[in-house]
PDB file of N, CA and C in Angstrom:
ATOM      1  N   UNK A   1    -133.858 103.048 -78.278  1.00  0.00           N
ATOM      2  CA  UNK A   1    -133.866 104.165 -79.102  1.00  0.00           C
ATOM      3  C   UNK A   1    -132.979 103.509 -80.513  1.00  0.00           C
ATOM      4  N   UNK A   2    -132.845 104.298 -81.398  1.00  0.00           N
ATOM      5  CA  UNK A   2    -132.387 103.662 -82.561  1.00  0.00           C
ATOM      6  C   UNK A   2    -130.877 104.540 -82.436  1.00  0.00           C
ATOM      7  N   UNK A   3    -129.890 103.527 -83.260  1.00  0.00           N
ATOM      8  CA  UNK A   3    -128.568 103.751 -83.043  1.00  0.00           C
ATOM      9  C   UNK A   3    -128.507 104.975 -84.341  1.00  0.00           C
ATOM     10  N   UNK A   4    -127.708 105.963 -84.147  1.00  0.00           N
ATOM     11  CA  UNK A   4    -127.227 107.013 -85.137  1.00  0.00           C
ATOM     12  C   UNK A   4    -126.221 106.354 -86.319  1.00  0.00           C
ATOM     13  N   UNK A   5    -126.761 106.526 -87.713  1.00  0.00           N
ATOM     14  CA  UNK A   5    -125.676 105.761 -88.350  1.00  0.00           C
ATOM     15  C   UNK A   5    -124.710 107.245 -88.971  1.00  0.00           C
ATOM     16  N   UNK A   6    -123.190 107.312 -88.384  1.00  0.00           N
ATOM     17  CA  UNK A   6    -122.252 108.293 -88.264  1.00  0.00           C
ATOM     18  C   UNK A   6    -121.590 107.941 -89.954  1.00  0.00           C
ATOM     19  N   UNK A   7    -121.524 106.855 -90.733  1.00  0.00           N
ATOM     20  CA  UNK A   7    -120.586 106.615 -91.516  1.00  0.00           C
ATOM     21  C   UNK A   7    -121.677 107.266 -92.568  1.00  0.00           C
ATOM     22  N   UNK A   8    -120.654 107.452 -93.377  1.00  0.00           N
ATOM     23  CA  UNK A   8    -121.218 107.886 -95.167  1.00  0.00           C
ATOM     24  C   UNK A   8    -120.437 107.008 -96.253  1.00  0.00           C
ATOM     25  N   UNK A   9    -121.029 106.894 -97.362  1.00  0.00           N
ATOM     26  CA  UNK A   9    -120.498 106.339 -98.110  1.00  0.00           C
ATOM     27  C   UNK A   9    -120.173 107.159 -99.355  1.00  0.00           C
ATOM     28  N   UNK A  10    -119.117 107.110-100.062  1.00  0.00           N
ATOM     29  CA  UNK A  10    -118.828 107.909-100.879  1.00  0.00           C
ATOM     30  C   UNK A  10    -118.319 109.516-100.408  1.00  0.00           C
ATOM     31  N   UNK A  11    -117.960 110.228-101.158  1.00  0.00           N
ATOM     32  CA  UNK A  11    -117.271 111.557-100.642  1.00  0.00           C
ATOM     33  C   UNK A  11    -118.303 112.421-100.493  1.00  0.00           C
ATOM     34  N   UNK A  12    -118.099 113.288 -99.454  1.00  0.00           N
ATOM     35  CA  UNK A  12    -118.923 114.364 -98.993  1.00  0.00           C
ATOM     36  C   UNK A  12    -119.068 115.390-100.130  1.00  0.00           C
ATOM     37  N   UNK A  13    -119.879 116.135 -99.990  1.00  0.00           N
ATOM     38  CA  UNK A  13    -120.409 117.286-100.738  1.00  0.00           C
ATOM     39  C   UNK A  13    -119.327 118.477-100.961  1.00  0.00           C
ATOM     40  N   UNK A  14    -118.178 118.652 -99.251  1.00  0.00           N
ATOM     41  CA  UNK A  14    -117.521 119.604 -99.783  1.00  0.00           C
ATOM     42  C   UNK A  14    -116.404 119.113-100.388  1.00  0.00           C
ATOM     43  N   UNK A  15    -116.084 117.510-100.222  1.00  0.00           N
ATOM     44  CA  UNK A  15    -114.890 117.353-100.952  1.00  0.00           C
ATOM     45  C   UNK A  15    -115.049 116.892-102.441  1.00  0.00           C
ATOM     46  N   UNK A  16    -116.156 116.555-103.020  1.00  0.00           N
ATOM     47  CA  UNK A  16    -116.667 116.881-104.349  1.00  0.00           C
ATOM     48  C   UNK A  16    -116.538 118.425-104.836  1.00  0.00           C
ATOM     49  N   UNK A  17    -116.974 119.470-103.967  1.00  0.00           N
ATOM     50  CA  UNK A  17    -116.729 120.704-104.910  1.00  0.00           C
ATOM     51  C   UNK A  17    -115.582 121.496-104.415  1.00  0.00           C
ATOM     52  N   UNK A  18    -114.615 120.541-103.801  1.00  0.00           N
ATOM     53  CA  UNK A  18    -113.331 121.039-103.247  1.00  0.00           C
ATOM     54  C   UNK A  18    -112.259 121.701-104.791  1.00  0.00           C
ATOM     55  N   UNK A  19    -112.820 120.948-105.832  1.00  0.00           N
ATOM     56  CA  UNK A  19    -111.754 121.517-107.153  1.00  0.00           C
ATOM     57  C   UNK A  19    -112.849 122.531-107.945  1.00  0.00           C
ATOM     58  N   UNK A  20    -113.849 122.628-107.300  1.00  0.00           N
ATOM     59  CA  UNK A  20    -114.697 123.845-108.250  1.00  0.00           C
ATOM     60  C   UNK A  20    -114.171 125.119-107.224  1.00  0.00           C
ATOM     61  N   UNK A  21    -114.052 124.990-105.563  1.00  0.00           N
ATOM     62  CA  UNK A  21    -113.906 125.859-104.944  1.00  0.00           C
ATOM     63  C   UNK A  21    -112.508 126.300-104.779  1.00  0.00           C
ATOM     64  N   UNK A  22    -111.638 125.659-105.264  1.00  0.00           N
ATOM     65  CA  UNK A  22    -110.258 125.930-105.516  1.00  0.00           C
ATOM     66  C   UNK A  22    -110.051 127.304-106.210  1.00  0.00           C
ATOM     67  N   UNK A  23    -111.049 127.113-107.476  1.00  0.00           N
ATOM     68  CA  UNK A  23    -110.815 128.192-108.486  1.00  0.00           C
ATOM     69  C   UNK A  23    -111.368 129.275-108.254  1.00  0.00           C
ATOM     70  N   UNK A  24    -112.555 129.201-107.545  1.00  0.00           N
ATOM     71  CA  UNK A  24    -113.373 130.572-107.010  1.00  0.00           C
ATOM     72  C   UNK A  24    -112.745 131.077-105.862  1.00  0.00           C
ATOM     73  N   UNK A  25    -112.682 132.596-106.201  1.00  0.00           N
ATOM     74  CA  UNK A  25    -111.758 133.083-104.877  1.00  0.00           C
ATOM     75  C   UNK A  25    -112.887 134.329-104.065  1.00  0.00           C
ATOM     76  N   UNK A  26    -112.907 134.491-103.061  1.00  0.00           N
ATOM     77  CA  UNK A  26    -113.771 135.284-102.087  1.00  0.00           C
ATOM     78  C   UNK A  26    -113.377 136.571-102.739  1.00  0.00           C
ATOM     79  N   UNK A  27    -114.483 137.366-102.239  1.00  0.00           N
ATOM     80  CA  UNK A  27    -114.567 138.831-102.799  1.00  0.00           C
ATOM     81  C   UNK A  27    -113.229 139.658-102.500  1.00  0.00           C
ATOM     82  N   UNK A  28    -112.304 139.326-101.258  1.00  0.00           N
ATOM     83  CA  UNK A  28    -111.448 139.712-100.668  1.00  0.00           C
ATOM     84  C   UNK A  28    -110.225 139.310-101.246  1.00  0.00           C
ATOM     85  N   UNK A  29    -109.975 138.097-101.562  1.00  0.00           N
ATOM     86  CA  UNK A  29    -108.964 137.838-102.497  1.00  0.00           C
ATOM     87  C   UNK A  29    -108.834 138.183-103.598  1.00  0.00           C
ATOM     88  N   UNK A  30    -110.054 138.094-104.017  1.00  0.00           N
ATOM     89  CA  UNK A  30    -110.215 138.931-105.697  1.00  0.00           C
ATOM     90  C   UNK A  30    -110.058 140.416-105.807  1.00  0.00           C
ATOM     91  N   UNK A  31    -110.235 140.913-104.281  1.00  0.00           N
ATOM     92  CA  UNK A  31    -109.809 142.403-104.389  1.00  0.00           C
ATOM     93  C   UNK A  31    -108.148 142.604-104.079  1.00  0.00           C
ATOM     94  N   UNK A  32    -107.835 141.813-103.375  1.00  0.00           N
ATOM     95  CA  UNK A  32    -106.404 142.077-103.188  1.00  0.00           C
ATOM     96  C   UNK A  32    -105.497 141.285-104.750  1.00  0.00           C
ATOM     97  N   UNK A  33    -106.208 140.553-105.557  1.00  0.00           N
ATOM     98  CA  UNK A  33    -105.455 140.544-106.714  1.00  0.00           C
ATOM     99  C   UNK A  33    -105.801 141.619-107.614  1.00  0.00           C
ATOM    100  N   UNK A  34    -106.694 142.196-107.568  1.00  0.00           N
ATOM    101  CA  UNK A  34    -106.949 143.324-108.685  1.00  0.00           C
ATOM    102  C   UNK A  34    -106.040 144.041-107.903  1.00  0.00           C
ATOM    103  N   UNK A  35    -105.877 144.641-106.800  1.00  0.00           N
ATOM    104  CA  UNK A  35    -105.312 145.453-106.740  1.00  0.00           C
ATOM    105  C   UNK A  35    -103.577 145.141-107.076  1.00  0.00           C
ATOM    106  N   UNK A  36    -103.490 144.138-107.044  1.00  0.00           N
ATOM    107  CA  UNK A  36    -101.793 143.710-107.038  1.00  0.00           C
ATOM    108  C   UNK A  36    -101.632 144.028-108.736  1.00  0.00           C
ATOM    109  N   UNK A  37    -102.669 143.287-109.553  1.00  0.00           N
ATOM    110  CA  UNK A  37    -102.550 143.539-111.108  1.00  0.00           C
ATOM    111  C   UNK A  37    -102.404 144.853-111.331  1.00  0.00           C
ATOM    112  N   UNK A  38    -103.417 146.121-110.832  1.00  0.00           N
ATOM    113  CA  UNK A  38    -103.413 147.250-111.501  1.00  0.00           C
ATOM    114  C   UNK A  38    -102.481 148.138-111.195  1.00  0.00           C
ATOM    115  N   UNK A  39    -101.766 148.097-109.658  1.00  0.00           N
ATOM    116  CA  UNK A  39    -100.398 148.858-108.754  1.00  0.00           C
ATOM    117  C   UNK A  39    -101.232 149.970-108.280  1.00  0.00           C
ATOM    118  N   UNK A  40    -102.579 150.316-108.724  1.00  0.00           N
ATOM    119  CA  UNK A  40    -102.542 151.417-108.000  1.00  0.00           C
ATOM    120  C   UNK A  40    -103.650 151.483-107.176  1.00  0.00           C
ATOM    121  N   UNK A  41    -104.060 152.619-106.679  1.00  0.00           N
ATOM    122  CA  UNK A  41    -105.015 152.748-105.246  1.00  0.00           C
ATOM    123  C   UNK A  41    -106.486 152.672-106.109  1.00  0.00           C
ATOM    124  N   UNK A  42    -107.508 152.068-105.391  1.00  0.00           N
ATOM    125  CA  UNK A  42    -108.978 152.182-106.343  1.00  0.00           C
ATOM    126  C   UNK A  42    -109.886 152.280-104.776  1.00  0.00           C
ATOM    127  N   UNK A  43    -110.966 152.642-105.233  1.00  0.00           N
ATOM    128  CA  UNK A  43    -112.360 152.473-104.410  1.00  0.00           C
ATOM    129  C   UNK A  43    -112.926 151.140-104.618  1.00  0.00           C
ATOM    130  N   UNK A  44    -113.647 150.653-103.523  1.00  0.00           N
ATOM    131  CA  UNK A  44    -114.289 149.591-103.489  1.00  0.00           C
ATOM    132  C   UNK A  44    -115.417 149.420-104.871  1.00  0.00           C
ATOM    133  N   UNK A  45    -115.797 150.621-105.106  1.00  0.00           N
ATOM    134  CA  UNK A  45    -116.633 150.210-106.549  1.00  0.00           C
ATOM    135  C   UNK A  45    -115.733 149.849-107.497  1.00  0.00           C
ATOM    136  N   UNK A  46    -114.879 150.872-107.931  1.00  0.00           N
ATOM    137  CA  UNK A  46    -113.854 150.187-108.895  1.00  0.00           C
ATOM    138  C   UNK A  46    -113.546 148.807-108.687  1.00  0.00           C
ATOM    139  N   UNK A  47    -113.015 148.284-107.622  1.00  0.00           N
ATOM    140  CA  UNK A  47    -112.822 147.038-107.574  1.00  0.00           C
ATOM    141  C   UNK A  47    -113.770 145.916-107.468  1.00  0.00           C
ATOM    142  N   UNK A  48    -115.065 146.149-107.400  1.00  0.00           N
ATOM    143  CA  UNK A  48    -115.998 145.367-108.028  1.00  0.00           C
ATOM    144  C   UNK A  48    -116.402 145.320-109.272  1.00  0.00           C
ATOM    145  N   UNK A  49    -116.039 146.712-109.688  1.00  0.00           N
ATOM    146  CA  UNK A  49    -116.366 146.320-111.334  1.00  0.00           C
ATOM    147  C   UNK A  49    -115.196 145.467-112.140  1.00  0.00           C
ATOM    148  N   UNK A  50    -113.828 146.041-111.374  1.00  0.00           N
ATOM    149  CA  UNK A  50    -113.061 145.320-111.986  1.00  0.00           C
ATOM    150  C   UNK A  50    -112.775 144.003-111.692  1.00  0.00           C
ATOM    151  N   UNK A  51    -113.013 143.135-110.618  1.00  0.00           N
ATOM    152  CA  UNK A  51    -113.122 142.046-110.519  1.00  0.00           C
ATOM    153  C   UNK A  51    -114.400 141.103-111.338  1.00  0.00           C
ATOM    154  N   UNK A  52    -115.651 141.898-111.702  1.00  0.00           N
ATOM    155  CA  UNK A  52    -116.626 141.067-112.571  1.00  0.00           C
ATOM    156  C   UNK A  52    -116.067 141.282-113.718  1.00  0.00           C
ATOM    157  N   UNK A  53    -115.419 142.492-114.111  1.00  0.00           N
ATOM    158  CA  UNK A  53    -114.649 142.444-115.886  1.00  0.00           C
ATOM    159  C   UNK A  53    -113.381 141.479-115.910  1.00  0.00           C
ATOM    160  N   UNK A  54    -112.854 140.981-115.220  1.00  0.00           N
ATOM    161  CA  UNK A  54    -111.485 140.067-115.267  1.00  0.00           C
ATOM    162  C   UNK A  54    -112.101 138.993-114.846  1.00  0.00           C
ATOM    163  N   UNK A  55    -113.314 138.740-114.368  1.00  0.00           N
ATOM    164  CA  UNK A  55    -114.075 137.108-114.123  1.00  0.00           C
ATOM    165  C   UNK A  55    -113.421 136.497-112.901  1.00  0.00           C
ATOM    166  N   UNK A  56    -112.615 137.653-111.666  1.00  0.00           N
ATOM    167  CA  UNK A  56    -112.067 136.854-110.711  1.00  0.00           C
ATOM    168  C   UNK A  56    -113.371 136.439-109.552  1.00  0.00           C
ATOM    169  N   UNK A  57    -114.170 137.560-109.525  1.00  0.00           N
ATOM    170  CA  UNK A  57    -115.591 137.370-108.703  1.00  0.00           C
ATOM    171  C   UNK A  57    -116.447 138.392-109.153  1.00  0.00           C
ATOM    172  N   UNK A  58    -117.713 138.130-108.676  1.00  0.00           N
ATOM    173  CA  UNK A  58    -119.365 138.484-109.052  1.00  0.00           C
ATOM    174  C   UNK A  58    -119.843 138.329-107.965  1.00  0.00           C
ATOM    175  N   UNK A  59    -120.809 139.123-107.913  1.00  0.00           N
ATOM    176  CA  UNK A  59    -121.902 139.567-106.509  1.00  0.00           C
ATOM    177  C   UNK A  59    -122.823 138.667-106.523  1.00  0.00           C
ATOM    178  N   UNK A  60    -122.865 137.727-106.129  1.00  0.00           N
ATOM    179  CA  UNK A  60    -124.023 137.109-105.732  1.00  0.00           C
ATOM    180  C   UNK A  60    -125.435 137.025-105.595  1.00  0.00           C
ATOM    181  N   UNK A  61    -125.577 138.503-105.802  1.00  0.00           N
ATOM    182  CA  UNK A  61    -127.163 139.137-106.019  1.00  0.00           C
ATOM    183  C   UNK A  61    -127.068 139.884-104.611  1.00  0.00           C
ATOM    184  N   UNK A  62    -126.008 140.513-104.012  1.00  0.00           N
ATOM    185  CA  UNK A  62    -126.104 141.480-102.864  1.00  0.00           C
ATOM    186  C   UNK A  62    -126.485 142.612-103.485  1.00  0.00           C
ATOM    187  N   UNK A  63    -127.110 143.159-102.589  1.00  0.00           N
ATOM    188  CA  UNK A  63    -127.542 144.691-103.300  1.00  0.00           C
ATOM    189  C   UNK A  63    -126.343 145.991-103.053  1.00  0.00           C
ATOM    190  N   UNK A  64    -125.504 145.663-102.066  1.00  0.00           N
ATOM    191  CA  UNK A  64    -124.162 146.755-101.649  1.00  0.00           C
ATOM    192  C   UNK A  64    -122.750 145.944-101.882  1.00  0.00           C
ATOM    193  N   UNK A  65    -122.720 145.608-102.595  1.00  0.00           N
ATOM    194  CA  UNK A  65    -121.118 144.524-102.823  1.00  0.00           C
ATOM    195  C   UNK A  65    -120.197 145.437-102.345  1.00  0.00           C
ATOM    196  N   UNK A  66    -119.863 146.934-102.701  1.00  0.00           N
ATOM    197  CA  UNK A  66    -119.082 147.654-102.867  1.00  0.00           C
ATOM    198  C   UNK A  66    -118.662 147.932-101.214  1.00  0.00           C
ATOM    199  N   UNK A  67    -120.137 148.136-100.383  1.00  0.00           N
ATOM    200  CA  UNK A  67    -119.842 148.300 -99.043  1.00  0.00           C
ATOM    201  C   UNK A  67    -119.592 147.380 -98.258  1.00  0.00           C
ATOM    202  N   UNK A  68    -119.875 145.863 -98.620  1.00  0.00           N
ATOM    203  CA  UNK A  68    -119.160 144.697 -97.784  1.00  0.00           C
ATOM    204  C   UNK A  68    -118.023 144.656 -97.912  1.00  0.00           C
ATOM    205  N   UNK A  69    -117.570 144.936 -99.213  1.00  0.00           N
ATOM    206  CA  UNK A  69    -116.242 144.821 -99.683  1.00  0.00           C
ATOM    207  C   UNK A  69    -115.215 145.962 -98.704  1.00  0.00           C
ATOM    208  N   UNK A  70    -115.984 147.193 -98.697  1.00  0.00           N
ATOM    209  CA  UNK A  70    -114.816 148.386 -97.928  1.00  0.00           C
ATOM    210  C   UNK A  70    -114.911 147.669 -96.512  1.00  0.00           C
ATOM    211  N   UNK A  71    -116.180 147.023 -95.834  1.00  0.00           N
ATOM    212  CA  UNK A  71    -116.423 146.681 -94.236  1.00  0.00           C
ATOM    213  C   UNK A  71    -115.451 145.460 -94.287  1.00  0.00           C
ATOM    214  N   UNK A  72    -115.343 144.953 -95.058  1.00  0.00           N
ATOM    215  CA  UNK A  72    -113.860 143.565 -94.949  1.00  0.00           C
ATOM    216  C   UNK A  72    -112.667 143.980 -94.900  1.00  0.00           C
ATOM    217  N   UNK A  73    -112.145 145.026 -95.661  1.00  0.00           N
ATOM    218  CA  UNK A  73    -111.368 145.634 -95.881  1.00  0.00           C
ATOM    219  C   UNK A  73    -110.830 146.426 -94.950  1.00  0.00           C
ATOM    220  N   UNK A  74    -111.491 147.396 -94.280  1.00  0.00           N
ATOM    221  CA  UNK A  74    -111.220 147.780 -92.987  1.00  0.00           C
ATOM    222  C   UNK A  74    -111.327 147.109 -91.677  1.00  0.00           C
ATOM    223  N   UNK A  75    -112.142 146.085 -91.673  1.00  0.00           N
ATOM    224  CA  UNK A  75    -111.708 145.111 -90.604  1.00  0.00           C
ATOM    225  C   UNK A  75    -110.259 144.247 -90.838  1.00  0.00           C
ATOM    226  N   UNK A  76    -109.907 143.522 -91.754  1.00  0.00           N
ATOM    227  CA  UNK A  76    -108.590 143.143 -92.167  1.00  0.00           C
ATOM    228  C   UNK A  76    -107.321 144.102 -91.828  1.00  0.00           C
ATOM    229  N   UNK A  77    -107.613 145.232 -91.835  1.00  0.00           N
ATOM    230  CA  UNK A  77    -106.633 146.401 -91.686  1.00  0.00           C
ATOM    231  C   UNK A  77    -106.970 146.660 -90.217  1.00  0.00           C
ATOM    232  N   UNK A  78    -107.451 146.434 -89.764  1.00  0.00           N
ATOM    233  CA  UNK A  78    -107.911 146.965 -88.169  1.00  0.00           C
ATOM    234  C   UNK A  78    -107.432 145.334 -87.294  1.00  0.00           C
ATOM    235  N   UNK A  79    -107.487 144.426 -87.921  1.00  0.00           N
ATOM    236  CA  UNK A  79    -107.658 143.051 -87.103  1.00  0.00           C
ATOM    237  C   UNK A  79    -105.760 142.799 -87.295  1.00  0.00           C
ATOM    238  N   UNK A  80    -105.176 142.824 -88.680  1.00  0.00           N
ATOM    239  CA  UNK A  80    -104.074 142.367 -88.826  1.00  0.00           C
ATOM    240  C   UNK A  80    -102.782 143.349 -88.357  1.00  0.00           C
ATOM    241  N   UNK A  81    -103.251 144.816 -89.107  1.00  0.00           N
ATOM    242  CA  UNK A  81    -102.496 146.000 -88.853  1.00  0.00           C
ATOM    243  C   UNK A  81    -101.429 145.926 -90.018  1.00  0.00           C
ATOM    244  N   UNK A  82     -99.935 145.813 -89.815  1.00  0.00           N
ATOM    245  CA  UNK A  82     -99.041 145.907 -90.503  1.00  0.00           C
ATOM    246  C   UNK A  82     -98.963 144.574 -91.231  1.00  0.00           C
ATOM    247  N   UNK A  83     -99.680 143.410 -91.258  1.00  0.00           N
ATOM    248  CA  UNK A  83     -99.775 142.296 -92.084  1.00  0.00           C
ATOM    249  C   UNK A  83    -100.680 141.812 -92.749  1.00  0.00           C
ATOM    250  N   UNK A  84    -101.751 142.714 -92.970  1.00  0.00           N
ATOM    251  CA  UNK A  84    -102.707 143.146 -93.966  1.00  0.00           C
ATOM    252  C   UNK A  84    -102.676 143.270 -95.370  1.00  0.00           C
ATOM    253  N   UNK A  85    -103.424 142.801 -96.120  1.00  0.00           N
ATOM    254  CA  UNK A  85    -102.887 142.650 -97.657  1.00  0.00           C
ATOM    255  C   UNK A  85    -103.177 143.847 -98.401  1.00  0.00           C
ATOM    256  N   UNK A  86    -103.832 144.699 -97.194  1.00  0.00           N
ATOM    257  CA  UNK A  86    -104.480 146.321 -97.992  1.00  0.00           C
ATOM    258  C   UNK A  86    -103.946 147.518 -97.230  1.00  0.00           C
ATOM    259  N   UNK A  87    -104.056 148.565 -97.650  1.00  0.00           N
ATOM    260  CA  UNK A  87    -103.388 149.612 -96.837  1.00  0.00           C
ATOM    261  C   UNK A  87    -104.622 150.936 -97.238  1.00  0.00           C
ATOM    262  N   UNK A  88    -104.972 151.663 -96.454  1.00  0.00           N
ATOM    263  CA  UNK A  88    -105.684 152.753 -96.817  1.00  0.00           C
ATOM    264  C   UNK A  88    -104.677 154.012 -97.411  1.00  0.00           C
ATOM    265  N   UNK A  89    -105.050 154.543 -98.666  1.00  0.00           N
ATOM    266  CA  UNK A  89    -104.358 155.547 -98.998  1.00  0.00           C
ATOM    267  C   UNK A  89    -105.133 157.088 -98.896  1.00  0.00           C
ATOM    268  N   UNK A  90    -106.171 156.873 -98.858  1.00  0.00           N
ATOM    269  CA  UNK A  90    -106.912 157.956 -99.300  1.00  0.00           C
ATOM    270  C   UNK A  90    -108.586 157.962 -98.420  1.00  0.00           C
ATOM    271  N   UNK A  91    -109.057 158.567 -98.661  1.00  0.00           N
ATOM    272  CA  UNK A  91    -110.403 158.235 -98.094  1.00  0.00           C
ATOM    273  C   UNK A  91    -111.116 157.643 -99.156  1.00  0.00           C
ATOM    274  N   UNK A  92    -111.430 156.351 -98.410  1.00  0.00           N
ATOM    275  CA  UNK A  92    -112.142 155.431 -99.513  1.00  0.00           C
ATOM    276  C   UNK A  92    -111.538 154.594-100.658  1.00  0.00           C
ATOM    277  N   UNK A  93    -110.176 154.554-100.632  1.00  0.00           N
ATOM    278  CA  UNK A  93    -109.155 154.304-101.653  1.00  0.00           C
ATOM    279  C   UNK A  93    -108.458 153.479-101.171  1.00  0.00           C
ATOM    280  N   UNK A  94    -107.961 152.309-101.736  1.00  0.00           N
ATOM    281  CA  UNK A  94    -107.127 151.179-100.857  1.00  0.00           C
ATOM    282  C   UNK A  94    -105.855 150.575-101.879  1.00  0.00           C
ATOM    283  N   UNK A  95    -104.862 150.352-101.271  1.00  0.00           N
ATOM    284  CA  UNK A  95    -103.808 149.987-102.365  1.00  0.00           C
ATOM    285  C   UNK A  95    -103.741 148.605-101.728  1.00  0.00           C
ATOM    286  N   UNK A  96    -102.711 147.779-102.500  1.00  0.00           N
ATOM    287  CA  UNK A  96    -101.924 146.697-101.817  1.00  0.00           C
ATOM    288  C   UNK A  96    -100.598 146.659-100.893  1.00  0.00           C
ATOM    289  N   UNK A  97    -100.561 146.306 -99.917  1.00  0.00           N
ATOM    290  CA  UNK A  97     -99.478 146.727 -98.959  1.00  0.00           C
ATOM    291  C   UNK A  97     -98.398 145.404 -99.070  1.00  0.00           C
TER     292      UNK A  97
END
């Protein structure tokens, strides 16, 4: 059997892209940032539009980014509880906690 070579020369792809990735926010981080900037409750559709407008985040081609964001926010609220970055203020509307 041939021995597999595990040593890599140079930097890995992740290391090279670390600088670019540090500037790029996730949808959840961008939503939290937009809510903090506006200081008022917003729907997920409004958050998606504001995130794209301010250049924080844009959908990579998904068909329902607002639904995906809604699901992520609800999941964070249910798993983290009071430590969540978000709080539900009304039906379909969220604010920064």
